[in-house]
Amino acid sequence: MDTENNILIKTRDLGEQEIKQEDVINFPNGLFAFENAKSFALLTPLGREASPMWLQCIEEVVPCFIVFNPHDLILDYNPVPDKEDMETIKAESIDDLDFLVLAVIPNDIRETTLNLKSPVIINRKNNLAVQTILSEDYDLKFPLYKDIREV
């Protein structure tokens, strides 16, 4: 690995991690309630693109979010970003986008929910990202472990 272009970051949950500079995800507008946090790393301790993933701010230990690829969990999740979001991340096609949803994990992990209404959208061609509020009617608190809770 070429360590010349790598940076060492401190994480909330995973200790120190080395990431490639070109893998830094930039949020021009920050994230909701964290507008000053602009640069993040997507950490995948379970393997590339395997959920859960950690969206870790690289400037500070907090904020850090546990995120999931909603397409792995919900077959009919088809969000449509608005024109302003597409312009912010300089996206030409929805095919260039990755969507991640933030998890809310309470003390009882079986009560974990996903915010499907306000995903993070990443343009994988340039690593620009935005968090948005979709016009579609998606759940703010989608139960991740619905079947487990019913047992």
N, C-alpha and C. Protein backbone atom coordinates (compact mmCIF):
# COMPACT_ATOMS: atom_id res chain seq x y z
N MET A 1 0.84 -1.18 0.00
CA MET A 1 0.00 0.00 0.00
C MET A 1 0.88 1.24 0.00
N ASP A 2 0.53 2.22 -0.83
CA ASP A 2 1.27 3.47 -0.91
C ASP A 2 0.89 4.34 0.28
N THR A 3 1.75 4.39 1.28
CA THR A 3 1.43 5.13 2.50
C THR A 3 1.65 6.63 2.35
N GLU A 4 2.25 7.06 1.25
CA GLU A 4 2.51 8.49 1.04
C GLU A 4 1.20 9.27 0.94
N ASN A 5 0.17 8.69 0.32
CA ASN A 5 -1.11 9.37 0.15
C ASN A 5 -2.15 8.90 1.16
N ASN A 6 -1.72 8.27 2.22
CA ASN A 6 -2.64 7.80 3.25
C ASN A 6 -2.64 8.75 4.43
N ILE A 7 -3.76 8.73 5.15
CA ILE A 7 -3.85 9.53 6.37
C ILE A 7 -4.32 8.63 7.50
N LEU A 8 -3.84 8.94 8.69
CA LEU A 8 -4.21 8.18 9.88
C LEU A 8 -5.29 8.98 10.61
N ILE A 9 -6.42 8.32 10.88
CA ILE A 9 -7.51 9.00 11.57
C ILE A 9 -7.83 8.27 12.87
N LYS A 10 -8.33 9.02 13.84
CA LYS A 10 -8.82 8.44 15.08
C LYS A 10 -10.33 8.27 14.94
N THR A 11 -10.81 7.09 15.33
CA THR A 11 -12.23 6.80 15.18
C THR A 11 -12.90 6.63 16.54
N ARG A 12 -14.20 6.74 16.54
CA ARG A 12 -14.96 6.58 17.77
C ARG A 12 -14.96 5.13 18.25
N ASP A 13 -15.09 4.18 17.30
CA ASP A 13 -15.31 2.79 17.66
C ASP A 13 -14.22 1.82 17.22
N LEU A 14 -13.38 2.22 16.28
CA LEU A 14 -12.47 1.27 15.64
C LEU A 14 -10.99 1.63 15.82
N GLY A 15 -10.68 2.46 16.81
CA GLY A 15 -9.29 2.83 17.04
C GLY A 15 -8.74 3.68 15.91
N GLU A 16 -7.45 3.67 15.74
CA GLU A 16 -6.84 4.41 14.64
C GLU A 16 -6.97 3.60 13.36
N GLN A 17 -7.27 4.29 12.27
CA GLN A 17 -7.42 3.65 10.97
C GLN A 17 -6.65 4.45 9.93
N GLU A 18 -6.05 3.73 9.01
CA GLU A 18 -5.34 4.38 7.91
C GLU A 18 -6.24 4.33 6.68
N ILE A 19 -6.44 5.49 6.07
CA ILE A 19 -7.28 5.55 4.87
C ILE A 19 -6.52 6.26 3.75
N LYS A 20 -6.93 5.99 2.53
CA LYS A 20 -6.34 6.66 1.38
C LYS A 20 -6.96 8.04 1.24
N GLN A 21 -6.14 9.01 0.94
CA GLN A 21 -6.61 10.38 0.75
C GLN A 21 -7.72 10.43 -0.30
N GLU A 22 -7.59 9.65 -1.37
CA GLU A 22 -8.60 9.70 -2.44
C GLU A 22 -9.93 9.07 -2.03
N ASP A 23 -9.97 8.38 -0.89
CA ASP A 23 -11.22 7.79 -0.41
C ASP A 23 -12.00 8.72 0.51
N VAL A 24 -11.47 9.88 0.81
CA VAL A 24 -12.17 10.83 1.67
C VAL A 24 -13.45 11.29 0.96
N ILE A 25 -14.55 11.26 1.70
CA ILE A 25 -15.85 11.70 1.18
C ILE A 25 -16.09 13.11 1.71
N ASN A 26 -16.37 14.03 0.78
CA ASN A 26 -16.54 15.43 1.14
C ASN A 26 -18.01 15.84 1.05
N PHE A 27 -18.50 16.41 2.14
CA PHE A 27 -19.86 16.92 2.24
C PHE A 27 -19.80 18.44 2.21
N PRO A 28 -20.05 19.08 1.07
CA PRO A 28 -19.98 20.54 1.00
C PRO A 28 -20.86 21.23 2.03
N ASN A 29 -22.01 20.63 2.37
CA ASN A 29 -22.95 21.23 3.31
C ASN A 29 -22.91 20.57 4.69
N GLY A 30 -22.00 19.65 4.92
CA GLY A 30 -21.99 18.90 6.17
C GLY A 30 -23.18 17.95 6.22
N LEU A 31 -23.45 17.42 7.39
CA LEU A 31 -24.62 16.56 7.61
C LEU A 31 -25.57 17.28 8.56
N PHE A 32 -26.83 16.86 8.58
CA PHE A 32 -27.81 17.50 9.44
C PHE A 32 -27.32 17.51 10.89
N ALA A 33 -27.34 18.68 11.50
CA ALA A 33 -26.90 18.92 12.87
C ALA A 33 -25.38 18.89 13.02
N PHE A 34 -24.67 18.61 11.94
CA PHE A 34 -23.19 18.59 11.96
C PHE A 34 -22.68 19.31 10.70
N GLU A 35 -23.16 20.51 10.47
CA GLU A 35 -22.85 21.24 9.25
C GLU A 35 -21.37 21.58 9.11
N ASN A 36 -20.63 21.63 10.21
CA ASN A 36 -19.21 21.96 10.14
C ASN A 36 -18.33 20.75 9.86
N ALA A 37 -18.89 19.56 9.95
CA ALA A 37 -18.13 18.34 9.65
C ALA A 37 -18.25 18.08 8.15
N LYS A 38 -17.16 18.22 7.45
CA LYS A 38 -17.21 18.17 5.98
C LYS A 38 -16.52 16.95 5.36
N SER A 39 -15.56 16.34 6.07
CA SER A 39 -14.76 15.26 5.49
C SER A 39 -14.93 13.99 6.31
N PHE A 40 -15.26 12.89 5.60
CA PHE A 40 -15.55 11.62 6.26
C PHE A 40 -14.85 10.48 5.55
N ALA A 41 -14.70 9.39 6.29
CA ALA A 41 -14.22 8.13 5.73
C ALA A 41 -15.33 7.10 5.93
N LEU A 42 -15.50 6.24 4.95
CA LEU A 42 -16.43 5.13 5.07
C LEU A 42 -15.62 3.89 5.43
N LEU A 43 -15.78 3.44 6.66
CA LEU A 43 -15.01 2.30 7.17
C LEU A 43 -15.87 1.05 7.11
N THR A 44 -15.28 -0.03 6.60
CA THR A 44 -16.04 -1.26 6.38
C THR A 44 -15.31 -2.44 7.03
N PRO A 45 -15.40 -2.56 8.35
CA PRO A 45 -14.66 -3.62 9.03
C PRO A 45 -15.14 -5.03 8.69
N LEU A 46 -16.34 -5.18 8.16
CA LEU A 46 -16.85 -6.50 7.81
C LEU A 46 -16.56 -6.86 6.35
N GLY A 47 -15.84 -6.00 5.65
CA GLY A 47 -15.53 -6.24 4.24
C GLY A 47 -16.12 -5.14 3.38
N ARG A 48 -15.57 -4.99 2.22
CA ARG A 48 -15.99 -3.92 1.31
C ARG A 48 -17.49 -3.94 1.07
N GLU A 49 -18.11 -2.81 1.37
CA GLU A 49 -19.54 -2.59 1.16
C GLU A 49 -20.44 -3.49 1.99
N ALA A 50 -19.91 -4.15 3.00
CA ALA A 50 -20.73 -4.99 3.87
C ALA A 50 -21.24 -4.14 5.04
N SER A 51 -22.53 -4.21 5.28
CA SER A 51 -23.14 -3.45 6.38
C SER A 51 -23.07 -4.26 7.66
N PRO A 52 -22.97 -3.58 8.80
CA PRO A 52 -22.93 -2.13 8.94
C PRO A 52 -21.55 -1.56 8.58
N MET A 53 -21.59 -0.26 8.25
CA MET A 53 -20.39 0.49 7.94
C MET A 53 -20.34 1.69 8.89
N TRP A 54 -19.19 2.28 9.01
CA TRP A 54 -19.02 3.46 9.86
C TRP A 54 -18.70 4.65 8.97
N LEU A 55 -19.50 5.70 9.08
CA LEU A 55 -19.22 6.96 8.40
C LEU A 55 -18.58 7.87 9.44
N GLN A 56 -17.25 7.91 9.41
CA GLN A 56 -16.45 8.55 10.45
C GLN A 56 -15.90 9.88 9.97
N CYS A 57 -16.16 10.93 10.75
CA CYS A 57 -15.54 12.22 10.46
C CYS A 57 -14.03 12.05 10.58
N ILE A 58 -13.27 12.62 9.66
CA ILE A 58 -11.82 12.45 9.74
C ILE A 58 -11.13 13.57 10.51
N GLU A 59 -11.86 14.68 10.77
CA GLU A 59 -11.27 15.79 11.50
C GLU A 59 -11.38 15.60 13.02
N GLU A 60 -12.42 14.93 13.44
CA GLU A 60 -12.72 14.72 14.85
C GLU A 60 -13.22 13.29 15.04
N VAL A 61 -13.22 12.82 16.28
CA VAL A 61 -13.75 11.49 16.58
C VAL A 61 -15.28 11.48 16.47
N VAL A 62 -15.91 12.60 16.76
CA VAL A 62 -17.36 12.75 16.63
C VAL A 62 -17.59 13.89 15.66
N PRO A 63 -18.47 13.72 14.67
CA PRO A 63 -19.48 12.68 14.55
C PRO A 63 -18.99 11.41 13.87
N CYS A 64 -19.68 10.35 14.22
CA CYS A 64 -19.49 9.05 13.60
C CYS A 64 -20.86 8.39 13.54
N PHE A 65 -21.21 7.84 12.40
CA PHE A 65 -22.53 7.25 12.20
C PHE A 65 -22.39 5.80 11.75
N ILE A 66 -23.27 4.96 12.27
CA ILE A 66 -23.38 3.59 11.75
C ILE A 66 -24.36 3.67 10.59
N VAL A 67 -23.94 3.17 9.42
CA VAL A 67 -24.77 3.28 8.23
C VAL A 67 -24.93 1.92 7.56
N PHE A 68 -26.00 1.82 6.79
CA PHE A 68 -26.31 0.60 6.06
C PHE A 68 -26.61 0.96 4.61
N ASN A 69 -26.34 0.01 3.71
CA ASN A 69 -26.79 0.15 2.33
C ASN A 69 -28.25 -0.29 2.31
N PRO A 70 -29.18 0.64 2.07
CA PRO A 70 -30.60 0.28 2.13
C PRO A 70 -31.02 -0.72 1.06
N HIS A 71 -30.30 -0.76 -0.05
CA HIS A 71 -30.65 -1.68 -1.13
C HIS A 71 -30.40 -3.14 -0.75
N ASP A 72 -29.57 -3.36 0.27
CA ASP A 72 -29.35 -4.72 0.77
C ASP A 72 -30.50 -5.20 1.65
N LEU A 73 -31.32 -4.26 2.12
CA LEU A 73 -32.35 -4.58 3.10
C LEU A 73 -33.78 -4.41 2.59
N ILE A 74 -33.97 -3.47 1.67
CA ILE A 74 -35.32 -3.11 1.23
C ILE A 74 -35.36 -3.16 -0.29
N LEU A 75 -36.04 -4.14 -0.82
CA LEU A 75 -36.05 -4.36 -2.27
C LEU A 75 -36.64 -3.19 -3.04
N ASP A 76 -37.65 -2.53 -2.50
CA ASP A 76 -38.32 -1.46 -3.26
C ASP A 76 -37.85 -0.05 -2.84
N TYR A 77 -36.65 0.06 -2.30
CA TYR A 77 -36.10 1.37 -1.95
C TYR A 77 -35.50 1.98 -3.21
N ASN A 78 -36.19 2.98 -3.74
CA ASN A 78 -35.76 3.63 -4.98
C ASN A 78 -35.83 5.15 -4.83
N PRO A 79 -34.95 5.73 -4.04
CA PRO A 79 -35.00 7.18 -3.82
C PRO A 79 -34.61 7.95 -5.09
N VAL A 80 -35.20 9.13 -5.20
CA VAL A 80 -34.90 10.00 -6.34
C VAL A 80 -34.39 11.32 -5.79
N PRO A 81 -33.09 11.59 -5.94
CA PRO A 81 -32.54 12.86 -5.45
C PRO A 81 -33.11 14.02 -6.25
N ASP A 82 -33.26 15.17 -5.59
CA ASP A 82 -33.75 16.33 -6.33
C ASP A 82 -32.61 16.99 -7.11
N LYS A 83 -32.98 17.91 -7.97
CA LYS A 83 -32.01 18.57 -8.86
C LYS A 83 -30.91 19.28 -8.07
N GLU A 84 -31.29 19.93 -6.98
CA GLU A 84 -30.31 20.66 -6.17
C GLU A 84 -29.26 19.72 -5.57
N ASP A 85 -29.70 18.56 -5.07
CA ASP A 85 -28.75 17.59 -4.53
C ASP A 85 -27.82 17.07 -5.62
N MET A 86 -28.37 16.80 -6.79
CA MET A 86 -27.54 16.33 -7.91
C MET A 86 -26.49 17.38 -8.28
N GLU A 87 -26.88 18.65 -8.26
CA GLU A 87 -25.93 19.72 -8.58
C GLU A 87 -24.87 19.86 -7.49
N THR A 88 -25.27 19.74 -6.22
CA THR A 88 -24.32 19.87 -5.11
C THR A 88 -23.21 18.85 -5.20
N ILE A 89 -23.56 17.63 -5.59
CA ILE A 89 -22.54 16.57 -5.66
C ILE A 89 -22.05 16.34 -7.09
N LYS A 90 -22.44 17.25 -7.98
CA LYS A 90 -21.97 17.23 -9.38
C LYS A 90 -22.22 15.87 -10.05
N ALA A 91 -23.42 15.35 -9.83
CA ALA A 91 -23.78 14.04 -10.39
C ALA A 91 -24.54 14.22 -11.70
N GLU A 92 -24.16 13.43 -12.68
CA GLU A 92 -24.82 13.48 -13.97
C GLU A 92 -25.89 12.40 -14.10
N SER A 93 -25.73 11.32 -13.35
CA SER A 93 -26.65 10.19 -13.45
C SER A 93 -26.87 9.56 -12.09
N ILE A 94 -28.08 9.11 -11.85
CA ILE A 94 -28.38 8.40 -10.60
C ILE A 94 -27.59 7.10 -10.52
N ASP A 95 -27.14 6.58 -11.65
CA ASP A 95 -26.34 5.35 -11.68
C ASP A 95 -24.97 5.53 -11.04
N ASP A 96 -24.52 6.78 -10.87
CA ASP A 96 -23.22 7.06 -10.26
C ASP A 96 -23.31 7.20 -8.74
N LEU A 97 -24.52 7.01 -8.19
CA LEU A 97 -24.74 7.32 -6.78
C LEU A 97 -24.82 6.08 -5.91
N ASP A 98 -24.31 6.22 -4.68
CA ASP A 98 -24.50 5.23 -3.63
C ASP A 98 -25.35 5.88 -2.55
N PHE A 99 -26.24 5.10 -1.98
CA PHE A 99 -27.11 5.59 -0.91
C PHE A 99 -26.78 4.85 0.37
N LEU A 100 -26.71 5.58 1.47
CA LEU A 100 -26.51 5.00 2.79
C LEU A 100 -27.56 5.59 3.73
N VAL A 101 -28.04 4.76 4.66
CA VAL A 101 -29.00 5.26 5.64
C VAL A 101 -28.40 5.14 7.03
N LEU A 102 -28.69 6.13 7.85
CA LEU A 102 -28.15 6.19 9.20
C LEU A 102 -28.98 5.33 10.15
N ALA A 103 -28.29 4.64 11.03
CA ALA A 103 -28.94 3.81 12.04
C ALA A 103 -29.00 4.57 13.36
N VAL A 104 -30.10 4.36 14.07
CA VAL A 104 -30.23 4.82 15.45
C VAL A 104 -30.23 3.55 16.29
N ILE A 105 -29.19 3.43 17.13
CA ILE A 105 -29.00 2.20 17.90
C ILE A 105 -29.18 2.50 19.39
N PRO A 106 -30.32 2.11 19.95
CA PRO A 106 -30.54 2.31 21.38
C PRO A 106 -29.84 1.23 22.21
N ASN A 107 -30.00 1.29 23.52
CA ASN A 107 -29.38 0.29 24.40
C ASN A 107 -29.78 -1.13 24.02
N ASP A 108 -31.05 -1.32 23.69
CA ASP A 108 -31.52 -2.63 23.22
C ASP A 108 -31.35 -2.67 21.71
N ILE A 109 -30.29 -3.32 21.26
CA ILE A 109 -29.96 -3.33 19.83
C ILE A 109 -31.11 -3.84 18.96
N ARG A 110 -31.99 -4.62 19.54
CA ARG A 110 -33.14 -5.14 18.78
C ARG A 110 -34.11 -4.04 18.39
N GLU A 111 -33.97 -2.87 18.99
CA GLU A 111 -34.83 -1.72 18.69
C GLU A 111 -34.18 -0.77 17.68
N THR A 112 -33.10 -1.17 17.05
CA THR A 112 -32.40 -0.33 16.07
C THR A 112 -33.33 0.04 14.92
N THR A 113 -33.27 1.32 14.52
CA THR A 113 -34.05 1.78 13.38
C THR A 113 -33.13 2.44 12.35
N LEU A 114 -33.62 2.51 11.13
CA LEU A 114 -32.91 3.15 10.03
C LEU A 114 -33.73 4.33 9.53
N ASN A 115 -33.05 5.43 9.24
CA ASN A 115 -33.71 6.60 8.70
C ASN A 115 -33.68 6.50 7.17
N LEU A 116 -34.76 6.00 6.60
CA LEU A 116 -34.86 5.85 5.14
C LEU A 116 -35.22 7.16 4.46
N LYS A 117 -35.77 8.10 5.21
CA LYS A 117 -36.24 9.38 4.66
C LYS A 117 -35.10 10.35 4.36
N SER A 118 -34.00 10.25 5.10
CA SER A 118 -32.90 11.22 4.96
C SER A 118 -31.57 10.51 4.70
N PRO A 119 -31.44 9.89 3.54
CA PRO A 119 -30.20 9.16 3.26
C PRO A 119 -29.02 10.08 2.97
N VAL A 120 -27.85 9.50 3.06
CA VAL A 120 -26.63 10.11 2.56
C VAL A 120 -26.49 9.62 1.12
N ILE A 121 -26.21 10.56 0.22
CA ILE A 121 -26.03 10.23 -1.19
C ILE A 121 -24.59 10.56 -1.56
N ILE A 122 -23.87 9.57 -2.08
CA ILE A 122 -22.46 9.76 -2.44
C ILE A 122 -22.31 9.57 -3.95
N ASN A 123 -21.72 10.57 -4.59
CA ASN A 123 -21.35 10.44 -6.00
C ASN A 123 -20.01 9.72 -6.02
N ARG A 124 -20.02 8.45 -6.41
CA ARG A 124 -18.80 7.65 -6.34
C ARG A 124 -17.75 8.08 -7.35
N LYS A 125 -18.11 8.92 -8.33
CA LYS A 125 -17.12 9.38 -9.31
C LYS A 125 -16.19 10.46 -8.75
N ASN A 126 -16.70 11.24 -7.76
CA ASN A 126 -15.88 12.33 -7.24
C ASN A 126 -15.85 12.40 -5.70
N ASN A 127 -16.55 11.45 -5.03
CA ASN A 127 -16.63 11.39 -3.57
C ASN A 127 -17.22 12.65 -2.94
N LEU A 128 -18.10 13.32 -3.68
CA LEU A 128 -18.90 14.39 -3.09
C LEU A 128 -20.18 13.77 -2.58
N ALA A 129 -20.66 14.28 -1.43
CA ALA A 129 -21.84 13.68 -0.82
C ALA A 129 -22.74 14.74 -0.21
N VAL A 130 -23.98 14.33 0.00
CA VAL A 130 -24.98 15.20 0.61
C VAL A 130 -25.94 14.33 1.40
N GLN A 131 -26.46 14.89 2.49
CA GLN A 131 -27.58 14.23 3.16
C GLN A 131 -28.82 14.99 2.74
N THR A 132 -29.87 14.27 2.42
CA THR A 132 -31.06 14.91 1.87
C THR A 132 -32.30 14.46 2.62
N ILE A 133 -33.40 15.14 2.37
CA ILE A 133 -34.72 14.69 2.81
C ILE A 133 -35.49 14.37 1.54
N LEU A 134 -35.83 13.11 1.38
CA LEU A 134 -36.50 12.68 0.15
C LEU A 134 -37.96 13.12 0.13
N SER A 135 -38.46 13.37 -1.08
CA SER A 135 -39.88 13.71 -1.22
C SER A 135 -40.75 12.45 -1.14
N GLU A 136 -40.15 11.29 -1.42
CA GLU A 136 -40.90 10.04 -1.32
C GLU A 136 -41.26 9.74 0.13
N ASP A 137 -42.27 8.93 0.31
CA ASP A 137 -42.78 8.61 1.64
C ASP A 137 -42.05 7.40 2.22
N TYR A 138 -40.84 7.65 2.77
CA TYR A 138 -40.06 6.59 3.40
C TYR A 138 -40.04 6.80 4.92
N ASP A 139 -39.86 5.70 5.65
CA ASP A 139 -39.87 5.74 7.12
C ASP A 139 -38.66 6.48 7.68
N LEU A 140 -38.92 7.24 8.75
CA LEU A 140 -37.84 7.84 9.53
C LEU A 140 -37.27 6.82 10.50
N LYS A 141 -38.10 5.86 10.91
CA LYS A 141 -37.69 4.87 11.91
C LYS A 141 -38.06 3.46 11.44
N PHE A 142 -37.40 3.02 10.41
CA PHE A 142 -37.63 1.68 9.87
C PHE A 142 -36.94 0.66 10.78
N PRO A 143 -37.71 -0.30 11.35
CA PRO A 143 -37.09 -1.27 12.27
C PRO A 143 -36.16 -2.24 11.54
N LEU A 144 -34.89 -2.22 11.91
CA LEU A 144 -33.90 -3.09 11.28
C LEU A 144 -34.14 -4.55 11.64
N TYR A 145 -34.50 -4.79 12.90
CA TYR A 145 -34.66 -6.16 13.37
C TYR A 145 -36.12 -6.48 13.66
N LYS A 146 -36.98 -6.17 12.74
CA LYS A 146 -38.42 -6.36 12.94
C LYS A 146 -38.75 -7.80 13.35
N ASP A 147 -38.21 -8.77 12.64
CA ASP A 147 -38.52 -10.17 12.93
C ASP A 147 -38.00 -10.61 14.29
N ILE A 148 -36.86 -10.09 14.70
CA ILE A 148 -36.28 -10.43 15.99
C ILE A 148 -37.17 -9.93 17.12
N ARG A 149 -37.71 -8.71 16.97
CA ARG A 149 -38.54 -8.13 18.02
C ARG A 149 -39.85 -8.90 18.17
N GLU A 150 -40.31 -9.54 17.11
CA GLU A 150 -41.59 -10.25 17.17
C GLU A 150 -41.46 -11.65 17.74
N VAL A 151 -40.25 -12.12 17.94
CA VAL A 151 -40.04 -13.48 18.45
C VAL A 151 -40.42 -13.56 19.91
